[in-house]
Protein backbone atom coordinates (compact mmCIF):
# COMPACT_ATOMS: atom_id res chain seq x y z
CA UNK A 1 -9.42 -55.05 8.16
CA UNK A 2 -10.42 -53.00 11.20
CA UNK A 3 -11.12 -49.49 10.93
CA UNK A 4 -8.83 -46.55 13.42
CA UNK A 5 -11.67 -46.34 15.49
CA UNK A 6 -12.12 -50.30 15.80
CA UNK A 7 -8.34 -50.09 16.25
CA UNK A 8 -8.20 -47.51 19.23
CA UNK A 9 -10.74 -49.50 21.18
CA UNK A 10 -9.19 -53.05 21.08
CA UNK A 11 -5.98 -50.94 22.11
CA UNK A 12 -7.97 -49.45 25.10
CA UNK A 13 -9.60 -52.94 26.32
CA UNK A 14 -5.73 -54.21 26.35
CA UNK A 15 -4.91 -51.09 28.57
CA UNK A 16 -7.70 -52.12 30.89
CA UNK A 17 -6.61 -55.75 30.85
CA UNK A 18 -3.09 -54.56 31.94
CA UNK A 19 -4.27 -52.15 34.48
CA UNK A 20 -6.91 -55.17 35.71
CA UNK A 21 -3.15 -56.83 36.69
CA UNK A 22 -2.18 -54.25 38.63
CA UNK A 23 0.08 -52.55 36.18
CA UNK A 24 1.10 -48.99 36.11
CA UNK A 25 0.90 -48.87 32.43
CA UNK A 26 1.89 -44.84 32.57
CA UNK A 27 4.87 -44.87 35.31
CA UNK A 28 6.57 -41.41 36.49
CA UNK A 29 9.96 -42.91 35.62
CA UNK A 30 11.63 -45.69 33.65
CA UNK A 31 15.14 -47.68 35.11
CA UNK A 32 17.72 -47.12 32.07
CA UNK A 33 20.89 -48.00 32.27
CA UNK A 34 22.22 -47.56 28.29
CA UNK A 35 20.45 -45.83 25.22
CA UNK A 36 20.14 -48.60 22.05
CA UNK A 37 23.45 -47.32 20.74
CA UNK A 38 25.44 -47.28 24.04
CA UNK A 39 24.36 -50.70 25.10
CA UNK A 40 25.57 -51.72 21.51
CA UNK A 41 28.79 -50.18 22.32
CA UNK A 42 29.26 -51.73 25.75
CA UNK A 43 28.76 -55.18 23.97
CA UNK A 44 31.50 -54.51 21.69
CA UNK A 45 33.76 -53.32 23.81
CA UNK A 46 33.30 -56.23 26.07
CA UNK A 47 34.21 -58.71 23.16
CA UNK A 48 37.22 -56.18 22.28
CA UNK A 49 38.54 -57.11 25.59
CA UNK A 50 38.24 -60.57 25.22
CA UNK A 51 34.64 -61.31 26.50
CA UNK A 52 36.26 -62.48 29.65
CA UNK A 53 33.44 -63.19 32.46
CA UNK A 54 29.53 -62.86 32.08
CA UNK A 55 28.27 -60.24 28.99
CA UNK A 56 27.33 -56.83 30.22
CA UNK A 57 23.79 -56.47 31.08
CA UNK A 58 21.81 -53.31 30.07
CA UNK A 59 18.13 -51.51 30.67
CA UNK A 60 17.04 -50.08 27.68
CA UNK A 61 13.92 -48.61 26.50
CA UNK A 62 11.85 -46.65 23.90
CA UNK A 63 9.29 -47.26 21.51
CA UNK A 64 8.16 -50.90 19.96
CA UNK A 65 8.80 -50.70 16.46
CA UNK A 66 8.76 -54.31 15.49
CA UNK A 67 7.11 -57.87 16.77
CA UNK A 68 7.94 -60.88 15.91
CA UNK A 69 5.95 -64.15 17.48
CA UNK A 70 7.83 -67.55 17.31
CA UNK A 71 5.69 -69.44 19.70
CA UNK A 72 7.47 -69.58 22.80
CA UNK A 73 9.72 -66.84 22.15
CA UNK A 74 9.53 -63.49 20.79
CA UNK A 75 11.68 -60.76 19.15
CA UNK A 76 10.76 -56.83 19.71
CA UNK A 77 12.59 -53.81 18.10
CA UNK A 78 12.89 -50.85 20.68
CA UNK A 79 13.89 -47.80 19.28
CA UNK A 80 14.87 -44.59 21.07
CA UNK A 81 16.18 -41.06 20.35
CA UNK A 82 19.66 -42.98 19.25
CA UNK A 83 18.88 -45.86 17.21
CA UNK A 84 17.24 -49.42 17.48
CA UNK A 85 18.03 -52.41 19.47
CA UNK A 86 16.45 -55.83 19.21
CA UNK A 87 15.21 -57.57 22.70
CA UNK A 88 14.42 -61.31 22.99
CA UNK A 89 11.62 -62.61 25.00
CA UNK A 90 11.66 -66.22 25.69
CA UNK A 91 8.65 -67.76 27.91
CA UNK A 92 10.93 -69.92 29.90
CA UNK A 93 13.43 -67.56 31.12
CA UNK A 94 10.67 -64.47 31.81
CA UNK A 95 7.72 -66.73 33.09
CA UNK A 96 4.52 -67.67 31.77
CA UNK A 97 2.48 -64.83 33.30
CA UNK A 98 5.11 -62.29 31.78
CA UNK A 99 5.00 -63.99 28.59
CA UNK A 100 1.43 -64.11 28.29
CA UNK A 101 1.40 -59.87 28.56
CA UNK A 102 2.80 -59.50 25.73
CA UNK A 103 -0.40 -60.09 23.70
CA UNK A 104 -1.41 -56.83 25.03
CA UNK A 105 1.36 -55.14 23.70
CA UNK A 106 1.21 -52.86 20.50
CA UNK A 107 3.46 -51.35 17.95
CA UNK A 108 4.06 -47.74 19.34
CA UNK A 109 4.15 -48.91 23.14
CA UNK A 110 6.68 -47.33 24.92
CA UNK A 111 8.68 -50.38 27.03
CA UNK A 112 11.79 -50.86 28.68
CA UNK A 113 13.45 -54.41 28.78
CA UNK A 114 16.31 -55.31 31.38
CA UNK A 115 18.85 -58.41 30.84
CA UNK A 116 22.25 -59.36 29.36
CA UNK A 117 23.45 -58.78 25.59
CA UNK A 118 23.99 -61.40 23.52
CA UNK A 119 24.90 -62.00 19.57
CA UNK A 120 22.23 -64.08 17.39
CA UNK A 121 22.89 -66.58 15.06
CA UNK A 122 22.49 -63.64 12.57
CA UNK A 123 25.27 -61.43 14.57
CA UNK A 124 22.68 -58.79 15.79
CA UNK A 125 23.56 -57.51 19.24
CA UNK A 126 20.56 -58.27 21.37
CA UNK A 127 19.06 -57.81 24.79
CA UNK A 128 17.56 -61.25 26.43
CA UNK A 129 14.99 -59.95 28.54
CA UNK A 130 14.79 -61.30 31.84
CA UNK A 131 12.05 -58.66 32.62
CA UNK A 132 10.58 -55.74 30.95
CA UNK A 133 8.01 -52.64 32.06
CA UNK A 134 5.55 -51.12 29.94
CA UNK A 135 6.15 -47.36 30.08
CA UNK A 136 3.19 -46.08 28.05
CA UNK A 137 0.24 -47.57 26.11
CA UNK A 138 -0.40 -45.76 22.90
CA UNK A 139 -3.76 -45.95 22.16
CA UNK A 140 -3.50 -44.76 18.75
CA UNK A 141 -1.57 -47.36 15.85
CA UNK A 142 1.54 -45.91 14.33
CA UNK A 143 1.68 -44.73 10.47
CA UNK A 144 0.17 -47.14 8.26
CA UNK A 145 3.44 -47.08 6.69
CA UNK A 146 5.85 -47.57 9.72
CA UNK A 147 8.94 -47.68 7.77
CA UNK A 148 8.10 -44.34 5.89
CA UNK A 149 5.39 -41.81 5.97
CA UNK A 150 5.10 -40.28 2.31
CA UNK A 151 1.84 -38.10 2.74
CA UNK A 152 3.01 -34.39 2.75
CA UNK A 153 -0.01 -33.49 4.60
CA UNK A 154 0.23 -36.45 7.34
CA UNK A 155 4.30 -35.06 7.62
CA UNK A 156 3.64 -31.60 8.17
CA UNK A 157 0.21 -31.36 10.15
CA UNK A 158 1.60 -34.36 12.47
CA UNK A 159 5.03 -34.11 12.26
CA UNK A 160 5.34 -36.53 15.29
CA UNK A 161 4.22 -39.21 12.67
CA UNK A 162 6.58 -38.12 10.47
CA UNK A 163 9.91 -38.27 13.23
CA UNK A 164 8.44 -41.45 14.42
CA UNK A 165 8.46 -43.14 11.15
CA UNK A 166 11.37 -41.24 9.07
CA UNK A 167 14.64 -41.50 10.56
CA UNK A 168 15.99 -39.19 7.85
CA UNK A 169 13.61 -36.51 8.67
CA UNK A 170 14.91 -36.73 12.58
CA UNK A 171 18.63 -36.66 11.14
CA UNK A 172 17.69 -33.31 9.51
CA UNK A 173 16.79 -31.59 12.77
CA UNK A 174 19.71 -33.14 14.69
CA UNK A 175 21.94 -31.32 11.77
CA UNK A 176 19.86 -28.25 12.42
CA UNK A 177 20.40 -28.05 16.09
CA UNK A 178 24.39 -28.86 14.85
CA UNK A 179 24.55 -25.82 12.62
CA UNK A 180 23.05 -23.32 15.28
CA UNK A 181 25.62 -24.95 17.84
CA UNK A 182 28.77 -24.45 15.35
CA UNK A 183 27.23 -20.41 14.69
CA UNK A 184 27.48 -20.27 18.28
CA UNK A 185 30.97 -21.09 18.62
CA UNK A 186 32.27 -19.48 15.96
CA UNK A 187 30.62 -16.22 17.28
CA UNK A 188 31.29 -17.00 20.68
CA UNK A 189 35.01 -17.73 19.73
CA UNK A 190 35.45 -14.01 18.06
CA UNK A 191 34.20 -12.17 20.97
CA UNK A 192 30.64 -11.70 20.10
CA UNK A 193 28.03 -12.07 23.16
CA UNK A 194 24.69 -13.35 22.68
CA UNK A 195 21.70 -11.17 23.67
CA UNK A 196 17.81 -11.30 23.58
CA UNK A 197 15.53 -8.84 22.28
CA UNK A 198 11.73 -7.92 22.75
CA UNK A 199 10.03 -10.47 20.22
CA UNK A 200 6.42 -7.82 21.39
CA UNK A 201 8.03 -4.36 19.76
CA UNK A 202 5.88 -0.82 19.61
CA UNK A 203 7.10 -0.26 15.76
CA UNK A 204 7.83 -2.94 13.48
CA UNK A 205 11.13 -1.86 12.37
CA UNK A 206 14.46 -2.84 10.64
CA UNK A 207 12.80 -4.55 7.42
CA UNK A 208 10.63 -3.70 4.53
CA UNK A 209 7.71 -6.29 5.64
CA UNK A 210 3.95 -6.54 6.91
CA UNK A 211 4.21 -7.65 10.78
CA UNK A 212 1.54 -9.36 12.64
CA UNK A 213 -0.45 -6.98 15.17
CA UNK A 214 -1.86 -8.01 18.56
CA UNK A 215 -2.59 -6.06 21.88
CA UNK A 216 -1.38 -5.79 25.26
CA UNK A 217 -4.12 -5.40 27.44
CA UNK A 218 -2.72 -4.39 30.77
CA UNK A 219 -0.90 -1.49 28.76
CA UNK A 220 -3.73 -1.03 26.58
CA UNK A 221 -1.42 -1.02 23.61
CA UNK A 222 -0.81 -2.63 19.90
CA UNK A 223 2.29 -4.24 19.69
CA UNK A 224 4.19 -5.96 16.57
CA UNK A 225 5.77 -9.22 16.63
CA UNK A 226 9.31 -8.32 15.19
CA UNK A 227 10.02 -8.45 11.67
CA UNK A 228 13.69 -7.90 12.35
CA UNK A 229 16.22 -7.86 15.24
CA UNK A 230 18.23 -5.07 13.91
CA UNK A 231 17.07 -1.88 15.52
CA UNK A 232 17.38 -3.45 19.16
CA UNK A 233 20.65 -4.65 18.67
CA UNK A 234 22.05 -1.41 17.07
CA UNK A 235 20.87 0.01 20.52
CA UNK A 236 23.32 -2.09 22.03
CA UNK A 237 26.06 -0.90 19.84
CA UNK A 238 25.01 2.65 20.77
CA UNK A 239 25.28 1.41 24.34
CA UNK A 240 28.86 0.25 24.50
CA UNK A 241 28.83 -3.38 23.45
CA UNK A 242 31.21 -4.16 20.29
CA UNK A 243 30.04 -7.41 19.35
CA UNK A 244 26.72 -8.84 19.81
CA UNK A 245 24.25 -11.36 17.60
CA UNK A 246 20.84 -13.05 18.47
CA UNK A 247 19.60 -15.78 16.88
CA UNK A 248 15.56 -15.38 17.27
CA UNK A 249 12.30 -16.24 15.63
CA UNK A 250 11.30 -13.71 13.14
CA UNK A 251 7.08 -13.04 12.31
CA UNK A 252 6.11 -11.44 8.91
CA UNK A 253 2.63 -11.47 7.80
CA UNK A 254 3.30 -12.52 3.97
CA UNK A 255 2.97 -15.26 1.37
CA UNK A 256 4.20 -18.76 2.04
CA UNK A 257 6.26 -20.62 -0.97
CA UNK A 258 8.98 -23.51 -0.85
CA UNK A 259 11.75 -20.63 0.58
CA UNK A 260 9.14 -18.31 2.61
CA UNK A 261 7.35 -19.26 6.06
CA UNK A 262 5.36 -16.78 8.08
CA UNK A 263 7.58 -17.64 10.93
CA UNK A 264 11.59 -18.20 10.86
CA UNK A 265 14.63 -17.67 12.31
CA UNK A 266 17.29 -15.23 11.98
CA UNK A 267 20.80 -14.42 13.09
CA UNK A 268 21.57 -11.15 13.50
CA UNK A 269 24.81 -9.66 14.47
CA UNK A 270 26.61 -6.51 14.59
CA UNK A 271 30.26 -5.68 15.03
CA UNK A 272 31.48 -2.33 15.84
CA UNK A 273 34.53 -0.63 13.74
CA UNK A 274 33.60 -2.70 10.94
CA UNK A 275 32.39 -2.40 7.19
CA UNK A 276 30.36 -4.90 4.93
CA UNK A 277 33.82 -6.14 3.78
CA UNK A 278 34.94 -7.30 7.14
CA UNK A 279 31.54 -8.99 7.62
CA UNK A 280 31.50 -10.60 4.32
CA UNK A 281 34.88 -12.35 5.32
CA UNK A 282 33.32 -13.60 8.74
CA UNK A 283 30.15 -14.49 6.48
CA UNK A 284 32.27 -17.05 4.38
CA UNK A 285 34.78 -17.88 7.31
CA UNK A 286 31.35 -18.58 9.23
CA UNK A 287 29.37 -20.87 6.79
CA UNK A 288 32.65 -22.83 5.55
CA UNK A 289 33.30 -23.46 9.56
CA UNK A 290 29.86 -24.77 10.23
CA UNK A 291 29.80 -27.14 7.29
CA UNK A 292 33.06 -28.59 8.30
CA UNK A 293 31.94 -29.19 11.62
CA UNK A 294 28.70 -30.42 10.72
CA UNK A 295 29.26 -32.45 7.43
CA UNK A 296 32.97 -33.28 7.77
CA UNK A 297 33.48 -31.26 4.84
CA UNK A 298 33.19 -27.86 3.23
CA UNK A 299 31.09 -29.03 0.10
CA UNK A 300 27.38 -29.72 0.16
CA UNK A 301 24.87 -31.49 -2.30
CA UNK A 302 22.17 -29.48 -3.24
CA UNK A 303 20.09 -31.24 -5.70
CA UNK A 304 21.95 -31.62 -8.75
CA UNK A 305 24.48 -29.09 -7.77
CA UNK A 306 27.51 -29.48 -5.66
CA UNK A 307 28.55 -26.24 -3.24
CA UNK A 308 31.78 -25.75 -2.47
CA UNK A 309 31.53 -23.51 0.71
CA UNK A 310 35.40 -22.89 1.24
CA UNK A 311 37.01 -19.05 1.25
CA UNK A 312 37.07 -17.11 -0.86
CA UNK A 313 33.54 -16.57 -2.48
CA UNK A 314 32.59 -14.71 -5.60
CA UNK A 315 32.15 -11.14 -5.17
CA UNK A 316 30.10 -9.25 -7.97
CA UNK A 317 28.37 -5.70 -7.67
CA UNK A 318 24.99 -5.46 -8.66
CA UNK A 319 25.68 -3.48 -11.71
CA UNK A 320 28.00 -5.96 -12.74
CA UNK A 321 25.95 -8.53 -12.56
CA UNK A 322 23.15 -7.26 -14.78
CA UNK A 323 25.58 -6.49 -17.34
CA UNK A 324 26.79 -9.99 -17.07
CA UNK A 325 23.38 -11.69 -17.23
CA UNK A 326 21.26 -9.38 -18.57
CA UNK A 327 23.10 -6.74 -20.75
CA UNK A 328 21.42 -4.18 -18.66
CA UNK A 329 23.70 -1.46 -17.40
CA UNK A 330 21.73 0.37 -15.24
CA UNK A 331 24.09 3.72 -15.10
CA UNK A 332 22.61 3.84 -18.41
CA UNK A 333 18.93 4.08 -17.30
CA UNK A 334 19.10 6.85 -14.39
CA UNK A 335 15.48 7.63 -14.14
CA UNK A 336 12.92 5.68 -13.12
CA UNK A 337 10.96 6.03 -16.49
CA UNK A 338 13.92 4.84 -18.73
CA UNK A 339 14.28 1.75 -16.55
CA UNK A 340 10.72 0.81 -16.73
CA UNK A 341 10.41 1.17 -20.22
CA UNK A 342 13.53 -0.86 -21.01
CA UNK A 343 12.26 -3.35 -18.79
CA UNK A 344 8.89 -3.14 -20.45
CA UNK A 345 10.46 -3.62 -23.62
CA UNK A 346 12.31 -6.92 -22.81
CA UNK A 347 8.81 -8.50 -21.54
CA UNK A 348 8.25 -7.84 -18.06
CA UNK A 349 4.73 -8.41 -17.63
CA UNK A 350 4.20 -7.37 -13.73
CA UNK A 351 5.98 -3.94 -13.47
CA UNK A 352 4.12 -1.82 -11.06
CA UNK A 353 3.94 1.49 -12.10
CA UNK A 354 4.92 2.77 -8.53
CA UNK A 355 7.95 1.15 -8.18
CA UNK A 356 11.07 3.17 -7.82
CA UNK A 357 14.23 3.19 -9.73
CA UNK A 358 16.26 0.97 -7.25
CA UNK A 359 13.10 -1.30 -6.66
CA UNK A 360 12.85 -1.90 -10.63
CA UNK A 361 16.65 -2.59 -10.67
CA UNK A 362 15.94 -5.39 -7.64
CA UNK A 363 13.12 -6.79 -9.55
CA UNK A 364 15.73 -7.19 -12.82
CA UNK A 365 18.31 -9.00 -10.49
CA UNK A 366 15.64 -11.44 -9.46
CA UNK A 367 14.60 -12.08 -12.83
CA UNK A 368 18.14 -12.19 -14.48
CA UNK A 369 20.82 -12.66 -12.12
CA UNK A 370 19.72 -14.45 -8.84
CA UNK A 371 18.82 -18.29 -10.58
CA UNK A 372 22.39 -17.93 -11.79
CA UNK A 373 24.17 -17.67 -8.33
CA UNK A 374 24.63 -21.17 -7.73
CA UNK A 375 27.97 -21.42 -5.83
CA UNK A 376 28.26 -18.63 -2.78
CA UNK A 377 28.20 -15.46 -3.97
CA UNK A 378 28.47 -11.93 -2.34
CA UNK A 379 26.18 -9.51 -4.63
CA UNK A 380 27.18 -6.34 -3.69
CA UNK A 381 26.34 -2.46 -3.74
CA UNK A 382 22.61 -1.90 -3.90
CA UNK A 383 20.19 1.14 -5.01
CA UNK A 384 20.18 3.45 -1.74
CA UNK A 385 16.09 3.78 -2.18
CA UNK A 386 15.79 -0.07 -1.19
CA UNK A 387 18.35 -0.01 1.70
CA UNK A 388 17.70 2.63 3.84
CA UNK A 389 19.45 1.53 6.56
CA UNK A 390 22.57 0.81 4.67
CA UNK A 391 25.32 3.58 4.46
CA UNK A 392 26.34 5.33 1.21
CA UNK A 393 28.91 3.95 -0.80
CA UNK A 394 31.42 6.82 -1.36
CA UNK A 395 31.89 8.23 -4.66
CA UNK A 396 28.82 6.52 -6.20
CA UNK A 397 25.87 8.34 -6.06
CA UNK A 398 22.48 6.37 -5.32
CA UNK A 399 24.10 3.11 -4.22
CA UNK A 400 25.04 1.64 -0.69
CA UNK A 401 27.39 -0.45 1.17
CA UNK A 402 25.43 -3.55 1.36
CA UNK A 403 25.58 -6.89 0.35
CA UNK A 404 23.33 -10.11 -0.27
CA UNK A 405 25.10 -13.54 -0.78
CA UNK A 406 23.14 -16.17 -2.70
CA UNK A 407 23.52 -20.23 -2.60
CA UNK A 408 22.00 -22.72 -5.15
CA UNK A 409 19.85 -19.24 -6.95
CA UNK A 410 18.30 -17.82 -3.78
CA UNK A 411 19.41 -15.48 -0.97
CA UNK A 412 20.57 -16.31 1.87
CA UNK A 413 21.65 -13.55 3.96
CA UNK A 414 21.78 -9.41 3.74
CA UNK A 415 24.65 -7.48 5.31
CA UNK A 416 25.34 -3.60 5.38
CA UNK A 417 28.12 -1.03 6.26
CA UNK A 418 25.22 0.46 8.85
CA UNK A 419 23.87 3.91 8.13
CA UNK A 420 25.27 5.95 11.64
CA UNK A 421 24.27 9.62 10.53
CA UNK A 422 20.95 10.38 12.44
CA UNK A 423 20.18 13.51 10.34
CA UNK A 424 20.62 10.91 6.84
CA UNK A 425 18.44 8.13 8.66
CA UNK A 426 15.93 10.65 9.66
CA UNK A 427 15.58 11.91 6.22
CA UNK A 428 15.41 7.98 4.74
CA UNK A 429 12.74 7.08 7.16
CA UNK A 430 10.70 10.16 6.16
CA UNK A 431 11.57 9.39 2.46
CA UNK A 432 9.89 5.73 3.35
CA UNK A 433 6.99 7.00 5.07
CA UNK A 434 6.27 8.89 1.74
CA UNK A 435 6.01 5.86 0.01
CA UNK A 436 3.84 4.35 2.33
CA UNK A 437 1.16 7.50 2.17
CA UNK A 438 1.52 6.86 -1.58
CA UNK A 439 0.11 3.11 -1.32
CA UNK A 440 3.47 1.22 -1.19
CA UNK A 441 3.32 -1.53 1.43
CA UNK A 442 6.76 -2.88 2.04
CA UNK A 443 8.31 -0.11 3.44
CA UNK A 444 10.51 0.77 6.41
CA UNK A 445 8.59 2.19 9.57
CA UNK A 446 10.03 5.20 11.22
CA UNK A 447 10.80 4.45 14.64
CA UNK A 448 11.28 7.63 16.73
CA UNK A 449 13.17 5.73 20.10
CA UNK A 450 15.92 4.39 17.39
CA UNK A 451 16.64 7.52 16.26
CA UNK A 452 16.93 9.17 19.39
CA UNK A 453 19.48 6.52 20.33
CA UNK A 454 21.28 6.72 16.89
CA UNK A 455 21.46 11.07 17.98
CA UNK A 456 23.70 9.90 20.71
CA UNK A 457 26.59 8.08 18.54
CA UNK A 458 26.77 4.83 16.72
CA UNK A 459 30.59 3.70 15.55
CA UNK A 460 31.18 2.63 12.27
CA UNK A 461 29.03 -0.86 12.46
CA UNK A 462 29.18 -4.08 9.89
CA UNK A 463 25.89 -5.73 10.63
CA UNK A 464 24.28 -9.18 8.97
CA UNK A 465 21.26 -11.03 8.75
CA UNK A 466 21.35 -14.95 7.48
CA UNK A 467 18.31 -17.22 7.57
CA UNK A 468 19.21 -20.23 9.87
CA UNK A 469 15.98 -21.99 8.11
CA UNK A 470 17.96 -21.76 4.13
CA UNK A 471 21.01 -22.61 5.54
CA UNK A 472 19.80 -25.69 6.68
CA UNK A 473 18.10 -26.42 3.53
CA UNK A 474 21.90 -25.96 1.77
CA UNK A 475 23.45 -28.25 4.07
CA UNK A 476 20.88 -31.08 4.29
CA UNK A 477 19.90 -30.80 0.42
CA UNK A 478 16.24 -29.66 1.01
CA UNK A 479 14.25 -27.78 -1.52
CA UNK A 480 11.53 -26.88 0.58
CA UNK A 481 11.72 -24.34 3.96
CA UNK A 482 8.96 -26.51 5.40
CA UNK A 483 11.33 -29.77 5.38
CA UNK A 484 13.90 -27.77 8.10
CA UNK A 485 10.82 -26.25 10.16
CA UNK A 486 9.59 -28.92 12.16
CA UNK A 487 6.04 -27.13 12.46
CA UNK A 488 5.68 -25.11 9.21
CA UNK A 489 2.48 -22.92 9.31
CA UNK A 490 -0.28 -24.25 7.37
CA UNK A 491 -3.94 -23.26 6.46
CA UNK A 492 -6.47 -24.75 9.37
CA UNK A 493 -8.23 -28.10 8.08
CA UNK A 494 -11.33 -26.76 8.84
């Protein structure tokens, strides 16, 4: 069997033969009257109307995905973005020269075919070619397994081959687009306005994460790729908008795994005169509405779990969840030392002696609680130490009004009653700065410009961030985040 380089050379020779006959192998435009599905629908309508008069004609265009030579006739499958349609090319109809030209076509070439539609003896709707036009000659052969690329390395590095060969992968990304559209409809219908905020920021604020750094030559200043949308969106609430949202790309210079990619897409939304309870109601209504619009149901299958997204979702405090799933009441371990000792006694091997009381609780929740949260669940009321942008919960020392929501055992989003006291906010940023000085890496950065904005007054506000990629994972049943990001981050092959 010829190697790839030989196959490429053979295709180049075919290209040269086509060009020698005066054929423009890469024309600027194509005459297409129908996509594949539209052509079939037009023929079915003609049949339904009694099949009176001539059958409808169509010009279809797409990639050749199958070729079957029958001697004096050939069948070609032409596939476009809507699907596949069969084309019948007969020497007696298109002429000997045009028919001979089929020999210089290959799988993967783009072709348009024009002619009337008919049904074959197997009842397949087919274009009977009166003419065809080469639209692009593919110089490389398609994937060897045309009907399914399975090699992960190829699928992620050469996503175009994955999309060419795997229809179900194309469907995942159509679903992703539909999810984002449904999300916008929900928020727009509730009076939110969509905005855009800077990707390059002088401070990497709004989350405890390691940023990517770049240099602006004209300004001779370092900037950070944003790790959050939060602080600029809050500036807009301060400026007078009541409801804003942004769907934007986030960049975090951290590890990768089945649920992490170094760049990902977030929805963040902020609503004035609302708190985290209002946000929770909006979340469950929005996600269930998206599922209904995209899937036609409010249930989703994720591995062995049937996820019920219909409201109301379960609500449980972090303290209650730890008591339920681990038998730990953190109210009985109110110092870092006591909680560290208890977790160490239970066999936690990777505890960092520098972790705060709140960080230890968060680690315990990750270990004991999160894997159990299969059905949609709001986990409420987090330690203040790990939530520097959230408003304190009245009557509960060291606790803030924050929730994360979980589906299928992993976090999907994060929300607060936003802290709007500028004095308290400054003190919390200073505490984060002290942690950074002590060698703790994942801390919030003090953003002086944001503090100045906050000092101008911000109304009570509820804020939310949802990972679009993870929501897509749930609604399409994909276990890896790389399956729902078209071009995931990968290590260079060299």
